Amino acid sequence: MLFEGLPDHLQVPVRQWVGDVGQQFDMVEEVCLRLRLPSKVLSSGNPLRALMQVESEDKMLFIEVVDAALAIVFRADPSEFGFGALMRSRLDDVLTVGGSAYTITPDGDGLCLRVEETLRRTLDEAVQAAEALQKDAGAHLREAFVAAYGIKPDPSVAYSQAVKAVEAVANPVFLPKAPEPTLGGVRSTLDQGRNKYVMAVSDRDGAPAGIDAAVELINLLWHGQRDRHAGGPTSAPVSQEAAETAVHAAALLVHWVSKGYVRKK
């Protein structure tokens, strides 16, 4: 069972974490400004302690405080071995052991929903493969994940970044000379040239499999972005479910293309 918000058993360790971070980093004013916290926090005799004790009917408020604090800490100390890394590791341990529904983002600069471990590993492997080929693809994929699973999800951004992640690895491979390559162009190239490409796996006869699965996955991602253009008869906001699906599909496609699992005969 995962706990949303800040349940009683996590109150003390998480609030203490904010206090310990605040003693090392000048963050209280920025957190208060970002979250529009009441002026009584900054005007108190001890603003850090007031921030540690801030409460609201909004059960997500202190989660947002932690999220903002992580962003400030990461900006000040993004290294993997400094005090910032130590504090991120400590918070991650507290959230994991306490069964929080939230965990630290892949970049370490905020909080996101805890997802099934297999999906998280798939995303991490896709990012690593993408960055070995095209660094921007990994960045787009991470942004898509955070926009889909962050504490304040933005489905439209998640879907858009998912598409960009696939474009970043697929355009140079399949449209190297196109002046304005897009995922739609990749889709058309692969769809019309199915007999020119194969997958890394075999079909039932032991021959290299066709690329139907890759083409259909790209079709799904391309046609599903219903907010790409406004005013059309099928235009619609991107739902949370669609955004999450797009991120999953993009991670798989980015991995396949980056590793050369979809290739010319």
C-alpha atoms as a PDB file:
ATOM      1  CA  MET A   1       0.000   0.000   0.000  1.00  0.00           C
ATOM      2  CA  LEU A   2       1.323   3.414  -0.991  1.00  0.00           C
ATOM      3  CA  PHE A   3       0.398   6.534   0.968  1.00  0.00           C
ATOM      4  CA  GLU A   4      -0.422   9.814  -0.766  1.00  0.00           C
ATOM      5  CA  GLY A   5       0.120  13.204   0.821  1.00  0.00           C
ATOM      6  CA  LEU A   6       2.037  13.199   4.089  1.00  0.00           C
ATOM      7  CA  PRO A   7       0.578  10.531   6.417  1.00  0.00           C
ATOM      8  CA  ASP A   8       1.206  10.680  10.138  1.00  0.00           C
ATOM      9  CA  HIS A   9       4.066   8.198  10.174  1.00  0.00           C
ATOM     10  CA  LEU A  10       6.015  10.280   7.620  1.00  0.00           C
ATOM     11  CA  GLN A  11       5.361  13.683   9.207  1.00  0.00           C
ATOM     12  CA  VAL A  12       8.382  13.780  11.521  1.00  0.00           C
ATOM     13  CA  PRO A  13      11.132  12.415   9.234  1.00  0.00           C
ATOM     14  CA  VAL A  14      10.037  14.409   6.180  1.00  0.00           C
ATOM     15  CA  ARG A  15       9.614  17.687   8.050  1.00  0.00           C
ATOM     16  CA  GLN A  16      12.988  17.117   9.750  1.00  0.00           C
ATOM     17  CA  TRP A  17      14.533  16.550   6.325  1.00  0.00           C
ATOM     18  CA  VAL A  18      13.288  19.970   5.226  1.00  0.00           C
ATOM     19  CA  GLY A  19      14.798  21.483   8.376  1.00  0.00           C
ATOM     20  CA  ASP A  20      18.176  19.832   7.823  1.00  0.00           C
ATOM     21  CA  VAL A  21      18.271  20.917   4.189  1.00  0.00           C
ATOM     22  CA  GLY A  22      17.260  24.454   5.149  1.00  0.00           C
ATOM     23  CA  GLN A  23      20.208  24.720   7.521  1.00  0.00           C
ATOM     24  CA  GLN A  24      22.605  24.092   4.632  1.00  0.00           C
ATOM     25  CA  PHE A  25      20.870  25.876   1.739  1.00  0.00           C
ATOM     26  CA  ASP A  26      19.283  29.314   1.535  1.00  0.00           C
ATOM     27  CA  MET A  27      15.884  28.128   0.339  1.00  0.00           C
ATOM     28  CA  VAL A  28      13.106  29.276   2.687  1.00  0.00           C
ATOM     29  CA  GLU A  29      12.268  32.516   0.913  1.00  0.00           C
ATOM     30  CA  GLU A  30      12.234  30.901  -2.531  1.00  0.00           C
ATOM     31  CA  VAL A  31      10.032  28.030  -1.354  1.00  0.00           C
ATOM     32  CA  CYS A  32       7.586  30.496   0.218  1.00  0.00           C
ATOM     33  CA  LEU A  33       7.462  32.593  -2.941  1.00  0.00           C
ATOM     34  CA  ARG A  34       7.069  29.610  -5.254  1.00  0.00           C
ATOM     35  CA  LEU A  35       4.207  28.152  -3.251  1.00  0.00           C
ATOM     36  CA  ARG A  36       2.602  31.483  -2.290  1.00  0.00           C
ATOM     37  CA  LEU A  37       2.805  30.565   1.397  1.00  0.00           C
ATOM     38  CA  PRO A  38       1.325  32.964   3.992  1.00  0.00           C
ATOM     39  CA  SER A  39       3.557  35.891   4.983  1.00  0.00           C
ATOM     40  CA  LYS A  40       3.568  34.665   8.593  1.00  0.00           C
ATOM     41  CA  VAL A  41       6.193  32.080   7.610  1.00  0.00           C
ATOM     42  CA  LEU A  42       8.819  34.604   6.506  1.00  0.00           C
ATOM     43  CA  SER A  43       7.841  37.188   9.141  1.00  0.00           C
ATOM     44  CA  SER A  44       8.223  34.749  12.024  1.00  0.00           C
ATOM     45  CA  GLY A  45      11.221  34.831  14.308  1.00  0.00           C
ATOM     46  CA  ASN A  46      12.445  31.539  12.825  1.00  0.00           C
ATOM     47  CA  PRO A  47      11.269  31.201   9.187  1.00  0.00           C
ATOM     48  CA  LEU A  48      12.864  27.767   8.711  1.00  0.00           C
ATOM     49  CA  ARG A  49      11.066  26.327  11.726  1.00  0.00           C
ATOM     50  CA  ALA A  50       7.838  27.959  10.563  1.00  0.00           C
ATOM     51  CA  LEU A  51       8.303  26.325   7.157  1.00  0.00           C
ATOM     52  CA  MET A  52       8.891  22.941   8.796  1.00  0.00           C
ATOM     53  CA  GLN A  53       5.639  23.313  10.700  1.00  0.00           C
ATOM     54  CA  VAL A  54       3.462  24.739   7.920  1.00  0.00           C
ATOM     55  CA  GLU A  55       0.118  22.962   7.605  1.00  0.00           C
ATOM     56  CA  SER A  56      -2.935  23.277   5.412  1.00  0.00           C
ATOM     57  CA  GLU A  57      -6.170  21.543   4.528  1.00  0.00           C
ATOM     58  CA  ASP A  58      -4.427  20.789   1.248  1.00  0.00           C
ATOM     59  CA  LYS A  59      -2.828  17.405   1.941  1.00  0.00           C
ATOM     60  CA  MET A  60      -0.337  17.992  -0.887  1.00  0.00           C
ATOM     61  CA  LEU A  61       1.046  21.283   0.422  1.00  0.00           C
ATOM     62  CA  PHE A  62       4.023  19.877   2.301  1.00  0.00           C
ATOM     63  CA  ILE A  63       4.760  17.472  -0.553  1.00  0.00           C
ATOM     64  CA  GLU A  64       5.029  20.599  -2.718  1.00  0.00           C
ATOM     65  CA  VAL A  65       7.387  22.110  -0.126  1.00  0.00           C
ATOM     66  CA  VAL A  66       9.638  19.045  -0.428  1.00  0.00           C
ATOM     67  CA  ASP A  67       9.416  19.163  -4.226  1.00  0.00           C
ATOM     68  CA  ALA A  68      10.477  22.822  -4.273  1.00  0.00           C
ATOM     69  CA  ALA A  69      13.279  22.159  -1.777  1.00  0.00           C
ATOM     70  CA  LEU A  70      14.637  19.352  -3.955  1.00  0.00           C
ATOM     71  CA  ALA A  71      14.733  21.643  -6.980  1.00  0.00           C
ATOM     72  CA  ILE A  72      16.688  24.268  -5.040  1.00  0.00           C
ATOM     73  CA  VAL A  73      19.107  21.708  -3.595  1.00  0.00           C
ATOM     74  CA  PHE A  74      19.719  20.169  -7.023  1.00  0.00           C
ATOM     75  CA  ARG A  75      20.390  23.574  -8.548  1.00  0.00           C
ATOM     76  CA  ALA A  76      22.866  24.399  -5.788  1.00  0.00           C
ATOM     77  CA  ASP A  77      24.554  20.991  -5.629  1.00  0.00           C
ATOM     78  CA  PRO A  78      23.813  18.642  -8.579  1.00  0.00           C
ATOM     79  CA  SER A  79      26.877  16.467  -7.963  1.00  0.00           C
ATOM     80  CA  GLU A  80      26.547  12.761  -7.211  1.00  0.00           C
ATOM     81  CA  PHE A  81      28.787  12.869  -4.161  1.00  0.00           C
ATOM     82  CA  GLY A  82      28.165  16.167  -2.321  1.00  0.00           C
ATOM     83  CA  PHE A  83      25.852  17.084   0.526  1.00  0.00           C
ATOM     84  CA  GLY A  84      22.963  17.470  -1.909  1.00  0.00           C
ATOM     85  CA  ALA A  85      23.364  13.881  -3.086  1.00  0.00           C
ATOM     86  CA  LEU A  86      23.500  12.709   0.522  1.00  0.00           C
ATOM     87  CA  MET A  87      20.260  14.511   1.343  1.00  0.00           C
ATOM     88  CA  ARG A  88      18.535  13.188  -1.767  1.00  0.00           C
ATOM     89  CA  SER A  89      19.559   9.661  -0.814  1.00  0.00           C
ATOM     90  CA  ARG A  90      18.311  10.154   2.740  1.00  0.00           C
ATOM     91  CA  LEU A  91      14.932  11.427   1.552  1.00  0.00           C
ATOM     92  CA  ASP A  92      14.637   8.578  -0.943  1.00  0.00           C
ATOM     93  CA  ASP A  93      15.213   6.077   1.866  1.00  0.00           C
ATOM     94  CA  VAL A  94      12.575   7.728   4.073  1.00  0.00           C
ATOM     95  CA  LEU A  95       9.974   7.783   1.299  1.00  0.00           C
ATOM     96  CA  THR A  96      10.674   4.198   0.260  1.00  0.00           C
ATOM     97  CA  VAL A  97      10.651   2.682   3.733  1.00  0.00           C
ATOM     98  CA  GLY A  98       7.593   4.737   4.690  1.00  0.00           C
ATOM     99  CA  GLY A  99       5.635   3.523   1.672  1.00  0.00           C
ATOM    100  CA  SER A 100       5.145   6.979   0.169  1.00  0.00           C
ATOM    101  CA  ALA A 101       3.399   7.221  -3.187  1.00  0.00           C
ATOM    102  CA  TYR A 102       6.148   9.654  -4.177  1.00  0.00           C
ATOM    103  CA  THR A 103       9.792   9.241  -5.016  1.00  0.00           C
ATOM    104  CA  ILE A 104      12.584  11.432  -6.373  1.00  0.00           C
ATOM    105  CA  THR A 105      12.552  12.158 -10.109  1.00  0.00           C
ATOM    106  CA  PRO A 106      15.174  10.541 -12.363  1.00  0.00           C
ATOM    107  CA  ASP A 107      17.101  13.834 -12.442  1.00  0.00           C
ATOM    108  CA  GLY A 108      16.880  14.280  -8.665  1.00  0.00           C
ATOM    109  CA  ASP A 109      15.349  17.756  -8.840  1.00  0.00           C
ATOM    110  CA  GLY A 110      11.844  17.059  -7.579  1.00  0.00           C
ATOM    111  CA  LEU A 111       9.222  14.487  -6.689  1.00  0.00           C
ATOM    112  CA  CYS A 112       7.116  12.245  -8.889  1.00  0.00           C
ATOM    113  CA  LEU A 113       4.685   9.406  -8.399  1.00  0.00           C
ATOM    114  CA  ARG A 114       6.262   6.049  -7.654  1.00  0.00           C
ATOM    115  CA  VAL A 115       5.737   3.796 -10.678  1.00  0.00           C
ATOM    116  CA  GLU A 116       6.098   0.067 -11.112  1.00  0.00           C
ATOM    117  CA  GLU A 117       9.794  -0.850 -10.965  1.00  0.00           C
ATOM    118  CA  THR A 118       9.848  -2.560 -14.369  1.00  0.00           C
ATOM    119  CA  LEU A 119       8.591   0.607 -16.041  1.00  0.00           C
ATOM    120  CA  ARG A 120      11.167   2.697 -14.201  1.00  0.00           C
ATOM    121  CA  ARG A 121      13.986   0.373 -15.320  1.00  0.00           C
ATOM    122  CA  THR A 122      12.661   0.425 -18.893  1.00  0.00           C
ATOM    123  CA  LEU A 123      12.714   4.207 -18.857  1.00  0.00           C
ATOM    124  CA  ASP A 124      16.235   4.324 -17.389  1.00  0.00           C
ATOM    125  CA  GLU A 125      17.544   1.873 -19.998  1.00  0.00           C
ATOM    126  CA  ALA A 126      15.878   3.830 -22.807  1.00  0.00           C
ATOM    127  CA  VAL A 127      17.405   7.090 -21.547  1.00  0.00           C
ATOM    128  CA  GLN A 128      20.877   5.538 -21.357  1.00  0.00           C
ATOM    129  CA  ALA A 129      20.590   4.061 -24.852  1.00  0.00           C
ATOM    130  CA  ALA A 130      19.261   7.337 -26.257  1.00  0.00           C
ATOM    131  CA  GLU A 131      21.972   9.487 -24.702  1.00  0.00           C
ATOM    132  CA  ALA A 132      24.645   7.264 -26.216  1.00  0.00           C
ATOM    133  CA  LEU A 133      23.191   8.121 -29.627  1.00  0.00           C
ATOM    134  CA  GLN A 134      21.492  11.502 -29.217  1.00  0.00           C
ATOM    135  CA  LYS A 135      21.605  13.304 -25.871  1.00  0.00           C
ATOM    136  CA  ASP A 136      18.477  15.381 -26.486  1.00  0.00           C
ATOM    137  CA  ALA A 137      16.360  12.227 -26.692  1.00  0.00           C
ATOM    138  CA  GLY A 138      17.181  11.264 -23.122  1.00  0.00           C
ATOM    139  CA  ALA A 139      16.350  14.759 -21.884  1.00  0.00           C
ATOM    140  CA  HIS A 140      12.998  14.747 -23.707  1.00  0.00           C
ATOM    141  CA  LEU A 141      12.146  11.312 -22.321  1.00  0.00           C
ATOM    142  CA  ARG A 142      12.943  12.363 -18.756  1.00  0.00           C
ATOM    143  CA  GLU A 143      10.828  15.505 -19.156  1.00  0.00           C
ATOM    144  CA  ALA A 144       7.973  13.394 -20.526  1.00  0.00           C
ATOM    145  CA  PHE A 145       8.158  11.079 -17.530  1.00  0.00           C
ATOM    146  CA  VAL A 146       8.147  13.925 -14.989  1.00  0.00           C
ATOM    147  CA  ALA A 147       5.288  15.705 -16.785  1.00  0.00           C
ATOM    148  CA  ALA A 148       3.253  12.488 -16.719  1.00  0.00           C
ATOM    149  CA  TYR A 149       4.088  11.339 -13.215  1.00  0.00           C
ATOM    150  CA  GLY A 150       5.083  14.534 -11.399  1.00  0.00           C
ATOM    151  CA  ILE A 151       3.146  15.790  -8.379  1.00  0.00           C
ATOM    152  CA  LYS A 152       1.414  18.226 -10.744  1.00  0.00           C
ATOM    153  CA  PRO A 153       1.001  16.239 -13.973  1.00  0.00           C
ATOM    154  CA  ASP A 154       0.816  18.037 -17.313  1.00  0.00           C
ATOM    155  CA  PRO A 155      -0.495  15.490 -19.848  1.00  0.00           C
ATOM    156  CA  SER A 156      -0.046  17.788 -22.843  1.00  0.00           C
ATOM    157  CA  VAL A 157       3.630  18.410 -22.072  1.00  0.00           C
ATOM    158  CA  ALA A 158       4.187  14.729 -21.314  1.00  0.00           C
ATOM    159  CA  TYR A 159       2.797  13.674 -24.677  1.00  0.00           C
ATOM    160  CA  SER A 160       4.654  16.385 -26.580  1.00  0.00           C
ATOM    161  CA  GLN A 161       7.971  15.494 -24.947  1.00  0.00           C
ATOM    162  CA  ALA A 162       7.372  11.796 -25.621  1.00  0.00           C
ATOM    163  CA  VAL A 163       6.979  12.547 -29.334  1.00  0.00           C
ATOM    164  CA  LYS A 164      10.101  14.725 -29.312  1.00  0.00           C
ATOM    165  CA  ALA A 165      12.092  11.935 -27.635  1.00  0.00           C
ATOM    166  CA  VAL A 166      11.257   9.534 -30.460  1.00  0.00           C
ATOM    167  CA  GLU A 167      11.917  12.200 -33.089  1.00  0.00           C
ATOM    168  CA  ALA A 168      15.328  12.946 -31.583  1.00  0.00           C
ATOM    169  CA  VAL A 169      16.548   9.389 -32.195  1.00  0.00           C
ATOM    170  CA  ALA A 170      14.456   8.412 -35.226  1.00  0.00           C
ATOM    171  CA  ASN A 171      14.848  11.486 -37.434  1.00  0.00           C
ATOM    172  CA  PRO A 172      18.644  11.180 -37.847  1.00  0.00           C
ATOM    173  CA  VAL A 173      18.324   7.453 -38.569  1.00  0.00           C
ATOM    174  CA  PHE A 174      15.396   7.397 -40.976  1.00  0.00           C
ATOM    175  CA  LEU A 175      15.261  10.989 -42.294  1.00  0.00           C
ATOM    176  CA  PRO A 176      18.919  12.088 -42.304  1.00  0.00           C
ATOM    177  CA  LYS A 177      18.513  14.492 -45.234  1.00  0.00           C
ATOM    178  CA  ALA A 178      15.032  15.864 -44.527  1.00  0.00           C
ATOM    179  CA  PRO A 179      15.088  19.650 -43.946  1.00  0.00           C
ATOM    180  CA  GLU A 180      12.222  19.523 -41.426  1.00  0.00           C
ATOM    181  CA  PRO A 181      11.957  15.931 -40.156  1.00  0.00           C
ATOM    182  CA  THR A 182       9.038  14.927 -37.964  1.00  0.00           C
ATOM    183  CA  LEU A 183       7.669  11.756 -36.433  1.00  0.00           C
ATOM    184  CA  GLY A 184       5.002  11.863 -39.131  1.00  0.00           C
ATOM    185  CA  GLY A 185       7.758  11.713 -41.738  1.00  0.00           C
ATOM    186  CA  VAL A 186       9.363   8.768 -39.971  1.00  0.00           C
ATOM    187  CA  ARG A 187       5.982   7.050 -39.881  1.00  0.00           C
ATOM    188  CA  SER A 188       5.480   7.520 -43.627  1.00  0.00           C
ATOM    189  CA  THR A 189       9.025   6.384 -44.455  1.00  0.00           C
ATOM    190  CA  LEU A 190       8.720   3.168 -42.474  1.00  0.00           C
ATOM    191  CA  ASP A 191       5.135   2.514 -43.535  1.00  0.00           C
ATOM    192  CA  GLN A 192       5.949   2.853 -47.238  1.00  0.00           C
ATOM    193  CA  GLY A 193       9.248   1.011 -46.937  1.00  0.00           C
ATOM    194  CA  ARG A 194       8.232  -1.934 -44.780  1.00  0.00           C
ATOM    195  CA  ASN A 195      10.049  -4.323 -47.117  1.00  0.00           C
ATOM    196  CA  LYS A 196      13.320  -2.414 -46.633  1.00  0.00           C
ATOM    197  CA  TYR A 197      13.566  -2.780 -42.847  1.00  0.00           C
ATOM    198  CA  VAL A 198      13.594  -5.587 -40.320  1.00  0.00           C
ATOM    199  CA  MET A 199      13.478  -6.033 -36.562  1.00  0.00           C
ATOM    200  CA  ALA A 200      16.216  -7.598 -34.441  1.00  0.00           C
ATOM    201  CA  VAL A 201      13.916 -10.479 -33.473  1.00  0.00           C
ATOM    202  CA  SER A 202      12.893 -13.401 -35.677  1.00  0.00           C
ATOM    203  CA  ASP A 203       9.474 -14.266 -37.032  1.00  0.00           C
ATOM    204  CA  ARG A 204       7.840 -17.691 -36.732  1.00  0.00           C
ATOM    205  CA  ASP A 205       9.894 -18.990 -39.687  1.00  0.00           C
ATOM    206  CA  GLY A 206      13.195 -17.933 -38.137  1.00  0.00           C
ATOM    207  CA  ALA A 207      13.715 -15.026 -40.529  1.00  0.00           C
ATOM    208  CA  PRO A 208      14.156 -11.409 -39.335  1.00  0.00           C
ATOM    209  CA  ALA A 209      10.744 -10.109 -38.344  1.00  0.00           C
ATOM    210  CA  GLY A 210       9.051  -7.308 -40.220  1.00  0.00           C
ATOM    211  CA  ILE A 211       8.626  -3.849 -38.726  1.00  0.00           C
ATOM    212  CA  ASP A 212       4.832  -3.894 -38.425  1.00  0.00           C
ATOM    213  CA  ALA A 213       4.994  -3.618 -34.624  1.00  0.00           C
ATOM    214  CA  ALA A 214       7.249  -0.546 -34.777  1.00  0.00           C
ATOM    215  CA  VAL A 215       5.114   1.129 -37.436  1.00  0.00           C
ATOM    216  CA  GLU A 216       1.900   0.554 -35.504  1.00  0.00           C
ATOM    217  CA  LEU A 217       3.455   1.862 -32.302  1.00  0.00           C
ATOM    218  CA  ILE A 218       4.564   5.021 -34.125  1.00  0.00           C
ATOM    219  CA  ASN A 219       1.082   5.313 -35.657  1.00  0.00           C
ATOM    220  CA  LEU A 220      -0.432   5.086 -32.187  1.00  0.00           C
ATOM    221  CA  LEU A 221       1.878   7.777 -30.820  1.00  0.00           C
ATOM    222  CA  TRP A 222       1.467  10.088 -33.821  1.00  0.00           C
ATOM    223  CA  HIS A 223      -2.311   9.922 -34.189  1.00  0.00           C
ATOM    224  CA  GLY A 224      -2.996   9.948 -30.450  1.00  0.00           C
ATOM    225  CA  GLN A 225      -1.690  13.481 -29.915  1.00  0.00           C
ATOM    226  CA  ARG A 226      -5.073  15.119 -30.367  1.00  0.00           C
ATOM    227  CA  ASP A 227      -4.030  18.550 -29.076  1.00  0.00           C
ATOM    228  CA  ARG A 228      -1.220  19.007 -31.599  1.00  0.00           C
ATOM    229  CA  HIS A 229      -3.489  21.257 -33.688  1.00  0.00           C
ATOM    230  CA  ALA A 230      -6.461  23.235 -32.423  1.00  0.00           C
ATOM    231  CA  GLY A 231      -9.845  23.764 -34.034  1.00  0.00           C
ATOM    232  CA  GLY A 232     -10.181  20.445 -35.827  1.00  0.00           C
ATOM    233  CA  PRO A 233     -13.177  18.125 -35.486  1.00  0.00           C
ATOM    234  CA  THR A 234     -11.105  15.552 -33.566  1.00  0.00           C
ATOM    235  CA  SER A 235      -9.003  17.991 -31.540  1.00  0.00           C
ATOM    236  CA  ALA A 236      -9.156  17.305 -27.804  1.00  0.00           C
ATOM    237  CA  PRO A 237      -7.101  17.761 -24.636  1.00  0.00           C
ATOM    238  CA  VAL A 238      -4.643  14.976 -23.859  1.00  0.00           C
ATOM    239  CA  SER A 239      -5.896  12.808 -21.020  1.00  0.00           C
ATOM    240  CA  GLN A 240      -3.687  11.576 -18.197  1.00  0.00           C
ATOM    241  CA  GLU A 241      -4.120   7.995 -19.427  1.00  0.00           C
ATOM    242  CA  ALA A 242      -3.087   8.978 -22.953  1.00  0.00           C
ATOM    243  CA  ALA A 243      -0.031  10.805 -21.651  1.00  0.00           C
ATOM    244  CA  GLU A 244       1.123   7.801 -19.629  1.00  0.00           C
ATOM    245  CA  THR A 245       0.562   5.520 -22.620  1.00  0.00           C
ATOM    246  CA  ALA A 246       2.597   7.861 -24.802  1.00  0.00           C
ATOM    247  CA  VAL A 247       5.506   7.853 -22.361  1.00  0.00           C
ATOM    248  CA  HIS A 248       5.512   4.039 -22.240  1.00  0.00           C
ATOM    249  CA  ALA A 249       5.352   3.801 -26.054  1.00  0.00           C
ATOM    250  CA  ALA A 250       8.083   6.406 -26.487  1.00  0.00           C
ATOM    251  CA  ALA A 251      10.417   4.627 -24.051  1.00  0.00           C
ATOM    252  CA  LEU A 252      10.068   1.419 -26.047  1.00  0.00           C
ATOM    253  CA  LEU A 253      10.563   3.125 -29.418  1.00  0.00           C
ATOM    254  CA  VAL A 254      13.528   5.152 -28.200  1.00  0.00           C
ATOM    255  CA  HIS A 255      15.145   1.960 -26.919  1.00  0.00           C
ATOM    256  CA  TRP A 256      14.501   0.053 -30.148  1.00  0.00           C
ATOM    257  CA  VAL A 257      15.822   2.798 -32.430  1.00  0.00           C
ATOM    258  CA  SER A 258      18.791   3.737 -30.243  1.00  0.00           C
ATOM    259  CA  LYS A 259      19.929   0.110 -30.060  1.00  0.00           C
ATOM    260  CA  GLY A 260      19.423  -0.503 -33.781  1.00  0.00           C
ATOM    261  CA  TYR A 261      16.662  -3.033 -33.232  1.00  0.00           C
ATOM    262  CA  VAL A 262      14.790  -1.495 -36.180  1.00  0.00           C
ATOM    263  CA  ARG A 263      17.202  -1.430 -39.096  1.00  0.00           C
ATOM    264  CA  LYS A 264      17.652  -1.730 -42.847  1.00  0.00           C
ATOM    265  CA  LYS A 265      17.977  -5.182 -44.353  1.00  0.00           C
END
